[in-house]
Amino acid sequence: MLTLYAHPFSSYCQKVIIALYEIGAPFELKFLSQDTPANGAAFASLWPIQHMPVLVDDGTPVREATIIIEHLDLFHAGAPPLVPADPRAALRTRFLDRVFDNYVMTPRQRIVFDFIRPEGARDPYGVAKARDLLDRAYAWLDGELPREEWACGQDFSLSDCSAAPALLYADWVHQIPAAAATLRDYRQRLLTRPSVKRTVDEARPFRHLFPPGAPERD
């Protein structure tokens, strides 16, 4: 049995949960919250940095969402794999994974975290820079992604596991413009994918935790 220390509303946790549902691997969720201190203590002992999620596979902890998905692909693979066997295709998949993590998830987090800061500790310059980065990422992705299918073609991949929570939450705080029709359509396709839909639905009870934007959508 795989054990996942995670919170269902966390974007990086959702990234891994989507992958687990894609490959059909059974796992036990160790819910991380203030109401589950024993899980939190075990999690901290496994990863003192305490960034969710952490997967435990037969007693071995695996840390960081992308590495967890790569681990799942190596040792609990579905068909087709989430990282293609072809090296060139694998590079493309890993590259887009980094784009969604670094240039969509990260600036989105900066906007959200600034919102929950005390009034006197806000960083409007940092938020403006984050919004600018999202605009540039949206424009690039709109021109780069296929008009149909998934981020890297016909098969759902690591890139799509990253994209789904990144685009779900980013659009709530900094909406994808109507002109970026390819990216908007891709986001909508992701939300209808069974693994993504299940992950999003399981996290619905926690939407009140998302302070700014439009969490009532989707």
C-alpha atoms as a PDB file:
ATOM      1  CA  MET A   1       0.000   0.000   0.000  1.00  0.00           C
ATOM      2  CA  LEU A   2       1.196   3.473  -0.879  1.00  0.00           C
ATOM      3  CA  THR A   3       0.728   6.180   1.752  1.00  0.00           C
ATOM      4  CA  LEU A   4       0.368   9.835   0.785  1.00  0.00           C
ATOM      5  CA  TYR A   5       0.782  12.635   3.306  1.00  0.00           C
ATOM      6  CA  ALA A   6      -1.199  15.461   1.768  1.00  0.00           C
ATOM      7  CA  HIS A   7      -4.077  17.899   1.896  1.00  0.00           C
ATOM      8  CA  PRO A   8      -6.662  17.463  -0.891  1.00  0.00           C
ATOM      9  CA  PHE A   9      -6.886  21.214  -1.575  1.00  0.00           C
ATOM     10  CA  SER A  10      -3.150  21.755  -2.059  1.00  0.00           C
ATOM     11  CA  SER A  11      -2.234  22.205  -5.725  1.00  0.00           C
ATOM     12  CA  TYR A  12       0.944  20.133  -5.463  1.00  0.00           C
ATOM     13  CA  CYS A  13      -0.925  17.405  -3.608  1.00  0.00           C
ATOM     14  CA  GLN A  14      -3.596  17.419  -6.291  1.00  0.00           C
ATOM     15  CA  LYS A  15      -0.889  17.013  -8.904  1.00  0.00           C
ATOM     16  CA  VAL A  16       0.141  13.711  -7.314  1.00  0.00           C
ATOM     17  CA  ILE A  17      -3.404  12.554  -6.536  1.00  0.00           C
ATOM     18  CA  ILE A  18      -4.315  12.996 -10.206  1.00  0.00           C
ATOM     19  CA  ALA A  19      -1.342  10.816 -11.159  1.00  0.00           C
ATOM     20  CA  LEU A  20      -2.366   8.136  -8.641  1.00  0.00           C
ATOM     21  CA  TYR A  21      -5.892   8.062 -10.063  1.00  0.00           C
ATOM     22  CA  GLU A  22      -4.514   7.955 -13.615  1.00  0.00           C
ATOM     23  CA  ILE A  23      -2.432   4.841 -12.965  1.00  0.00           C
ATOM     24  CA  GLY A  24      -5.059   3.261 -10.710  1.00  0.00           C
ATOM     25  CA  ALA A  25      -2.695   2.738  -7.781  1.00  0.00           C
ATOM     26  CA  PRO A  26      -4.466   2.276  -4.422  1.00  0.00           C
ATOM     27  CA  PHE A  27      -3.155   4.537  -1.672  1.00  0.00           C
ATOM     28  CA  GLU A  28      -3.925   5.624   1.857  1.00  0.00           C
ATOM     29  CA  LEU A  29      -4.313   9.358   2.387  1.00  0.00           C
ATOM     30  CA  LYS A  30      -2.784  10.668   5.588  1.00  0.00           C
ATOM     31  CA  PHE A  31      -4.697  13.916   5.869  1.00  0.00           C
ATOM     32  CA  LEU A  32      -2.587  16.892   6.950  1.00  0.00           C
ATOM     33  CA  SER A  33      -4.375  19.566   8.946  1.00  0.00           C
ATOM     34  CA  GLN A  34      -4.506  21.088  12.413  1.00  0.00           C
ATOM     35  CA  ASP A  35      -7.049  18.400  13.289  1.00  0.00           C
ATOM     36  CA  THR A  36      -4.616  15.549  12.541  1.00  0.00           C
ATOM     37  CA  PRO A  37      -1.508  16.310  14.636  1.00  0.00           C
ATOM     38  CA  ALA A  38      -0.273  12.710  14.592  1.00  0.00           C
ATOM     39  CA  ASN A  39      -0.189  12.755  10.788  1.00  0.00           C
ATOM     40  CA  GLY A  40       1.607  16.093  10.911  1.00  0.00           C
ATOM     41  CA  ALA A  41       4.239  14.775  13.280  1.00  0.00           C
ATOM     42  CA  ALA A  42       4.860  11.713  11.105  1.00  0.00           C
ATOM     43  CA  PHE A  43       5.042  13.937   8.022  1.00  0.00           C
ATOM     44  CA  ALA A  44       7.584  16.263   9.683  1.00  0.00           C
ATOM     45  CA  SER A  45       9.745  13.295  10.639  1.00  0.00           C
ATOM     46  CA  LEU A  46       9.746  12.129   7.016  1.00  0.00           C
ATOM     47  CA  TRP A  47      10.508  15.560   5.548  1.00  0.00           C
ATOM     48  CA  PRO A  48      11.690  18.316   7.902  1.00  0.00           C
ATOM     49  CA  ILE A  49      11.187  20.902   5.135  1.00  0.00           C
ATOM     50  CA  GLN A  50       7.459  20.085   5.517  1.00  0.00           C
ATOM     51  CA  HIS A  51       6.415  20.812   1.944  1.00  0.00           C
ATOM     52  CA  MET A  52       3.508  18.636   0.881  1.00  0.00           C
ATOM     53  CA  PRO A  53       3.125  16.008  -0.397  1.00  0.00           C
ATOM     54  CA  VAL A  54       5.255  13.066   0.697  1.00  0.00           C
ATOM     55  CA  LEU A  55       4.662   9.537  -0.594  1.00  0.00           C
ATOM     56  CA  VAL A  56       5.768   6.488   1.386  1.00  0.00           C
ATOM     57  CA  ASP A  57       6.279   3.386  -0.726  1.00  0.00           C
ATOM     58  CA  ASP A  58       7.111   0.221   1.228  1.00  0.00           C
ATOM     59  CA  GLY A  59       8.700   2.293   3.974  1.00  0.00           C
ATOM     60  CA  THR A  60      10.667   4.575   1.655  1.00  0.00           C
ATOM     61  CA  PRO A  61       9.693   8.265   1.592  1.00  0.00           C
ATOM     62  CA  VAL A  62       9.549  10.012  -1.772  1.00  0.00           C
ATOM     63  CA  ARG A  63       9.462  13.805  -1.738  1.00  0.00           C
ATOM     64  CA  GLU A  64       8.499  16.579  -4.177  1.00  0.00           C
ATOM     65  CA  ALA A  65       5.491  16.199  -6.471  1.00  0.00           C
ATOM     66  CA  THR A  66       7.315  15.758  -9.780  1.00  0.00           C
ATOM     67  CA  ILE A  67       9.713  13.203  -8.308  1.00  0.00           C
ATOM     68  CA  ILE A  68       6.788  11.319  -6.760  1.00  0.00           C
ATOM     69  CA  ILE A  69       5.117  11.047 -10.173  1.00  0.00           C
ATOM     70  CA  GLU A  70       8.379   9.914 -11.759  1.00  0.00           C
ATOM     71  CA  HIS A  71       8.649   7.300  -8.982  1.00  0.00           C
ATOM     72  CA  LEU A  72       5.109   6.109  -9.628  1.00  0.00           C
ATOM     73  CA  ASP A  73       5.894   5.836 -13.317  1.00  0.00           C
ATOM     74  CA  LEU A  74       8.952   3.697 -12.612  1.00  0.00           C
ATOM     75  CA  PHE A  75       7.482   1.344 -10.020  1.00  0.00           C
ATOM     76  CA  HIS A  76       3.688   1.484 -10.361  1.00  0.00           C
ATOM     77  CA  ALA A  77       3.341   2.303 -14.038  1.00  0.00           C
ATOM     78  CA  GLY A  78       0.072   2.587 -15.845  1.00  0.00           C
ATOM     79  CA  ALA A  79      -0.306   2.359 -19.601  1.00  0.00           C
ATOM     80  CA  PRO A  80       0.627   4.625 -21.239  1.00  0.00           C
ATOM     81  CA  PRO A  81       3.260   5.974 -18.845  1.00  0.00           C
ATOM     82  CA  LEU A  82       2.993   9.516 -17.522  1.00  0.00           C
ATOM     83  CA  VAL A  83       6.530  10.214 -18.753  1.00  0.00           C
ATOM     84  CA  PRO A  84       7.071   8.912 -22.297  1.00  0.00           C
ATOM     85  CA  ALA A  85       9.723   6.286 -22.915  1.00  0.00           C
ATOM     86  CA  ASP A  86      11.056   8.223 -25.901  1.00  0.00           C
ATOM     87  CA  PRO A  87      13.796  10.542 -24.560  1.00  0.00           C
ATOM     88  CA  ARG A  88      12.884  13.492 -26.751  1.00  0.00           C
ATOM     89  CA  ALA A  89       9.202  13.263 -25.821  1.00  0.00           C
ATOM     90  CA  ALA A  90      10.170  12.836 -22.159  1.00  0.00           C
ATOM     91  CA  LEU A  91      12.189  16.078 -22.255  1.00  0.00           C
ATOM     92  CA  ARG A  92       9.200  17.935 -23.666  1.00  0.00           C
ATOM     93  CA  THR A  93       6.956  16.490 -20.947  1.00  0.00           C
ATOM     94  CA  ARG A  94       9.365  17.401 -18.168  1.00  0.00           C
ATOM     95  CA  PHE A  95       9.857  20.883 -19.607  1.00  0.00           C
ATOM     96  CA  LEU A  96       6.137  21.665 -19.613  1.00  0.00           C
ATOM     97  CA  ASP A  97       5.878  20.272 -16.090  1.00  0.00           C
ATOM     98  CA  ARG A  98       8.433  22.877 -15.003  1.00  0.00           C
ATOM     99  CA  VAL A  99       6.591  25.623 -16.907  1.00  0.00           C
ATOM    100  CA  PHE A 100       3.322  24.899 -15.108  1.00  0.00           C
ATOM    101  CA  ASP A 101       5.033  24.632 -11.718  1.00  0.00           C
ATOM    102  CA  ASN A 102       7.362  27.625 -12.004  1.00  0.00           C
ATOM    103  CA  TYR A 103       5.431  30.081 -14.149  1.00  0.00           C
ATOM    104  CA  VAL A 104       1.801  29.317 -13.282  1.00  0.00           C
ATOM    105  CA  MET A 105       1.669  27.701  -9.824  1.00  0.00           C
ATOM    106  CA  THR A 106       4.426  29.848  -8.291  1.00  0.00           C
ATOM    107  CA  PRO A 107       3.107  33.309  -9.278  1.00  0.00           C
ATOM    108  CA  ARG A 108      -0.413  32.212  -8.377  1.00  0.00           C
ATOM    109  CA  GLN A 109       0.827  31.257  -4.920  1.00  0.00           C
ATOM    110  CA  ARG A 110       2.523  34.624  -4.549  1.00  0.00           C
ATOM    111  CA  ILE A 111      -0.783  36.414  -5.190  1.00  0.00           C
ATOM    112  CA  VAL A 112      -2.667  34.197  -2.724  1.00  0.00           C
ATOM    113  CA  PHE A 113      -0.035  34.410   0.006  1.00  0.00           C
ATOM    114  CA  ASP A 114       0.083  38.187  -0.314  1.00  0.00           C
ATOM    115  CA  PHE A 115      -3.681  38.346   0.128  1.00  0.00           C
ATOM    116  CA  ILE A 116      -3.488  36.599   3.496  1.00  0.00           C
ATOM    117  CA  ARG A 117      -0.640  38.751   4.822  1.00  0.00           C
ATOM    118  CA  PRO A 118      -1.388  41.428   7.416  1.00  0.00           C
ATOM    119  CA  GLU A 119      -2.347  44.738   5.809  1.00  0.00           C
ATOM    120  CA  GLY A 120       0.952  46.408   6.603  1.00  0.00           C
ATOM    121  CA  ALA A 121       3.020  43.548   5.188  1.00  0.00           C
ATOM    122  CA  ARG A 122       1.518  43.437   1.688  1.00  0.00           C
ATOM    123  CA  ASP A 123       3.793  43.454  -1.366  1.00  0.00           C
ATOM    124  CA  PRO A 124       1.957  45.179  -4.255  1.00  0.00           C
ATOM    125  CA  TYR A 125       5.118  45.264  -6.372  1.00  0.00           C
ATOM    126  CA  GLY A 126       5.592  41.502  -5.973  1.00  0.00           C
ATOM    127  CA  VAL A 127       1.948  40.865  -6.824  1.00  0.00           C
ATOM    128  CA  ALA A 128       2.200  43.039  -9.932  1.00  0.00           C
ATOM    129  CA  LYS A 129       5.263  41.072 -11.030  1.00  0.00           C
ATOM    130  CA  ALA A 130       3.419  37.801 -10.401  1.00  0.00           C
ATOM    131  CA  ARG A 131       0.466  38.946 -12.505  1.00  0.00           C
ATOM    132  CA  ASP A 132       2.812  40.004 -15.288  1.00  0.00           C
ATOM    133  CA  LEU A 133       4.481  36.587 -15.216  1.00  0.00           C
ATOM    134  CA  LEU A 134       1.102  34.872 -15.408  1.00  0.00           C
ATOM    135  CA  ASP A 135       0.145  37.024 -18.400  1.00  0.00           C
ATOM    136  CA  ARG A 136       3.345  36.035 -20.191  1.00  0.00           C
ATOM    137  CA  ALA A 137       2.921  32.367 -19.274  1.00  0.00           C
ATOM    138  CA  TYR A 138      -0.694  32.374 -20.474  1.00  0.00           C
ATOM    139  CA  ALA A 139       0.276  33.951 -23.792  1.00  0.00           C
ATOM    140  CA  TRP A 140       3.146  31.527 -24.375  1.00  0.00           C
ATOM    141  CA  LEU A 141       1.090  28.461 -23.432  1.00  0.00           C
ATOM    142  CA  ASP A 142      -1.776  29.591 -25.639  1.00  0.00           C
ATOM    143  CA  GLY A 143       0.538  29.562 -28.631  1.00  0.00           C
ATOM    144  CA  GLU A 144       2.391  26.401 -27.622  1.00  0.00           C
ATOM    145  CA  LEU A 145      -0.296  23.928 -26.608  1.00  0.00           C
ATOM    146  CA  PRO A 146      -2.166  21.814 -29.134  1.00  0.00           C
ATOM    147  CA  ARG A 147      -5.728  22.905 -29.899  1.00  0.00           C
ATOM    148  CA  GLU A 148      -6.952  19.439 -28.995  1.00  0.00           C
ATOM    149  CA  GLU A 149      -5.704  16.515 -26.911  1.00  0.00           C
ATOM    150  CA  TRP A 150      -3.264  17.036 -24.038  1.00  0.00           C
ATOM    151  CA  ALA A 151      -0.204  19.154 -23.364  1.00  0.00           C
ATOM    152  CA  CYS A 152       2.203  16.790 -25.119  1.00  0.00           C
ATOM    153  CA  GLY A 153      -0.160  15.146 -27.575  1.00  0.00           C
ATOM    154  CA  GLN A 154      -2.512  12.208 -27.484  1.00  0.00           C
ATOM    155  CA  ASP A 155      -1.526  10.768 -24.099  1.00  0.00           C
ATOM    156  CA  PHE A 156      -2.254  12.337 -20.704  1.00  0.00           C
ATOM    157  CA  SER A 157       1.100  12.906 -18.991  1.00  0.00           C
ATOM    158  CA  LEU A 158       3.069  14.411 -16.131  1.00  0.00           C
ATOM    159  CA  SER A 159       2.600  17.801 -17.809  1.00  0.00           C
ATOM    160  CA  ASP A 160      -1.173  17.516 -17.524  1.00  0.00           C
ATOM    161  CA  CYS A 161      -0.966  16.450 -13.875  1.00  0.00           C
ATOM    162  CA  SER A 162       0.876  19.719 -13.259  1.00  0.00           C
ATOM    163  CA  ALA A 163      -1.347  21.815 -15.482  1.00  0.00           C
ATOM    164  CA  ALA A 164      -4.687  20.834 -13.977  1.00  0.00           C
ATOM    165  CA  PRO A 165      -4.305  22.317 -10.459  1.00  0.00           C
ATOM    166  CA  ALA A 166      -2.054  25.120 -11.726  1.00  0.00           C
ATOM    167  CA  LEU A 167      -4.614  26.407 -14.221  1.00  0.00           C
ATOM    168  CA  LEU A 168      -7.602  25.668 -12.000  1.00  0.00           C
ATOM    169  CA  TYR A 169      -6.381  27.951  -9.219  1.00  0.00           C
ATOM    170  CA  ALA A 170      -4.504  30.516 -11.312  1.00  0.00           C
ATOM    171  CA  ASP A 171      -7.627  31.359 -13.301  1.00  0.00           C
ATOM    172  CA  TRP A 172      -9.448  32.127 -10.044  1.00  0.00           C
ATOM    173  CA  VAL A 173      -7.012  34.879  -9.060  1.00  0.00           C
ATOM    174  CA  HIS A 174      -5.845  36.090 -12.492  1.00  0.00           C
ATOM    175  CA  GLN A 175      -8.275  35.038 -15.163  1.00  0.00           C
ATOM    176  CA  ILE A 176      -7.024  33.596 -18.426  1.00  0.00           C
ATOM    177  CA  PRO A 177      -8.061  36.160 -21.050  1.00  0.00           C
ATOM    178  CA  ALA A 178     -10.734  35.348 -23.619  1.00  0.00           C
ATOM    179  CA  ALA A 179      -8.167  35.861 -26.366  1.00  0.00           C
ATOM    180  CA  ALA A 180      -6.218  32.831 -25.066  1.00  0.00           C
ATOM    181  CA  ALA A 181      -8.886  30.459 -26.368  1.00  0.00           C
ATOM    182  CA  THR A 182      -6.563  27.476 -26.786  1.00  0.00           C
ATOM    183  CA  LEU A 183      -5.411  27.675 -23.173  1.00  0.00           C
ATOM    184  CA  ARG A 184      -8.948  28.210 -21.874  1.00  0.00           C
ATOM    185  CA  ASP A 185     -10.198  25.199 -23.844  1.00  0.00           C
ATOM    186  CA  TYR A 186      -7.314  23.079 -22.551  1.00  0.00           C
ATOM    187  CA  ARG A 187      -8.151  24.040 -18.962  1.00  0.00           C
ATOM    188  CA  GLN A 188     -11.742  22.999 -19.548  1.00  0.00           C
ATOM    189  CA  ARG A 189     -10.685  19.659 -21.060  1.00  0.00           C
ATOM    190  CA  LEU A 190      -8.545  19.008 -18.007  1.00  0.00           C
ATOM    191  CA  LEU A 191     -11.493  19.599 -15.684  1.00  0.00           C
ATOM    192  CA  THR A 192     -13.514  16.930 -17.496  1.00  0.00           C
ATOM    193  CA  ARG A 193     -10.771  14.286 -17.278  1.00  0.00           C
ATOM    194  CA  PRO A 194     -12.030  11.639 -14.773  1.00  0.00           C
ATOM    195  CA  SER A 195      -8.872  11.713 -12.637  1.00  0.00           C
ATOM    196  CA  VAL A 196      -8.937  15.502 -12.476  1.00  0.00           C
ATOM    197  CA  LYS A 197     -12.666  15.765 -11.900  1.00  0.00           C
ATOM    198  CA  ARG A 198     -12.479  13.282  -9.037  1.00  0.00           C
ATOM    199  CA  THR A 199      -9.585  15.179  -7.447  1.00  0.00           C
ATOM    200  CA  VAL A 200     -11.323  18.543  -7.803  1.00  0.00           C
ATOM    201  CA  ASP A 201     -14.614  17.190  -6.445  1.00  0.00           C
ATOM    202  CA  GLU A 202     -12.939  15.645  -3.404  1.00  0.00           C
ATOM    203  CA  ALA A 203     -11.423  19.030  -2.582  1.00  0.00           C
ATOM    204  CA  ARG A 204     -14.677  21.002  -2.866  1.00  0.00           C
ATOM    205  CA  PRO A 205     -15.369  21.008   0.898  1.00  0.00           C
ATOM    206  CA  PHE A 206     -12.178  23.048   1.403  1.00  0.00           C
ATOM    207  CA  ARG A 207     -12.839  25.874  -1.057  1.00  0.00           C
ATOM    208  CA  HIS A 208     -13.540  28.277   1.781  1.00  0.00           C
ATOM    209  CA  LEU A 209      -9.804  28.088   2.521  1.00  0.00           C
ATOM    210  CA  PHE A 210      -9.059  29.918  -0.746  1.00  0.00           C
ATOM    211  CA  PRO A 211      -9.291  33.602   0.141  1.00  0.00           C
ATOM    212  CA  PRO A 212      -9.171  35.672  -3.083  1.00  0.00           C
ATOM    213  CA  GLY A 213     -10.627  35.322  -6.531  1.00  0.00           C
ATOM    214  CA  ALA A 214     -13.457  33.105  -7.700  1.00  0.00           C
ATOM    215  CA  PRO A 215     -13.388  29.692  -5.974  1.00  0.00           C
ATOM    216  CA  GLU A 216     -17.113  29.286  -6.596  1.00  0.00           C
ATOM    217  CA  ARG A 217     -16.349  28.661 -10.283  1.00  0.00           C
ATOM    218  CA  ASP A 218     -15.626  25.219 -11.725  1.00  0.00           C
END
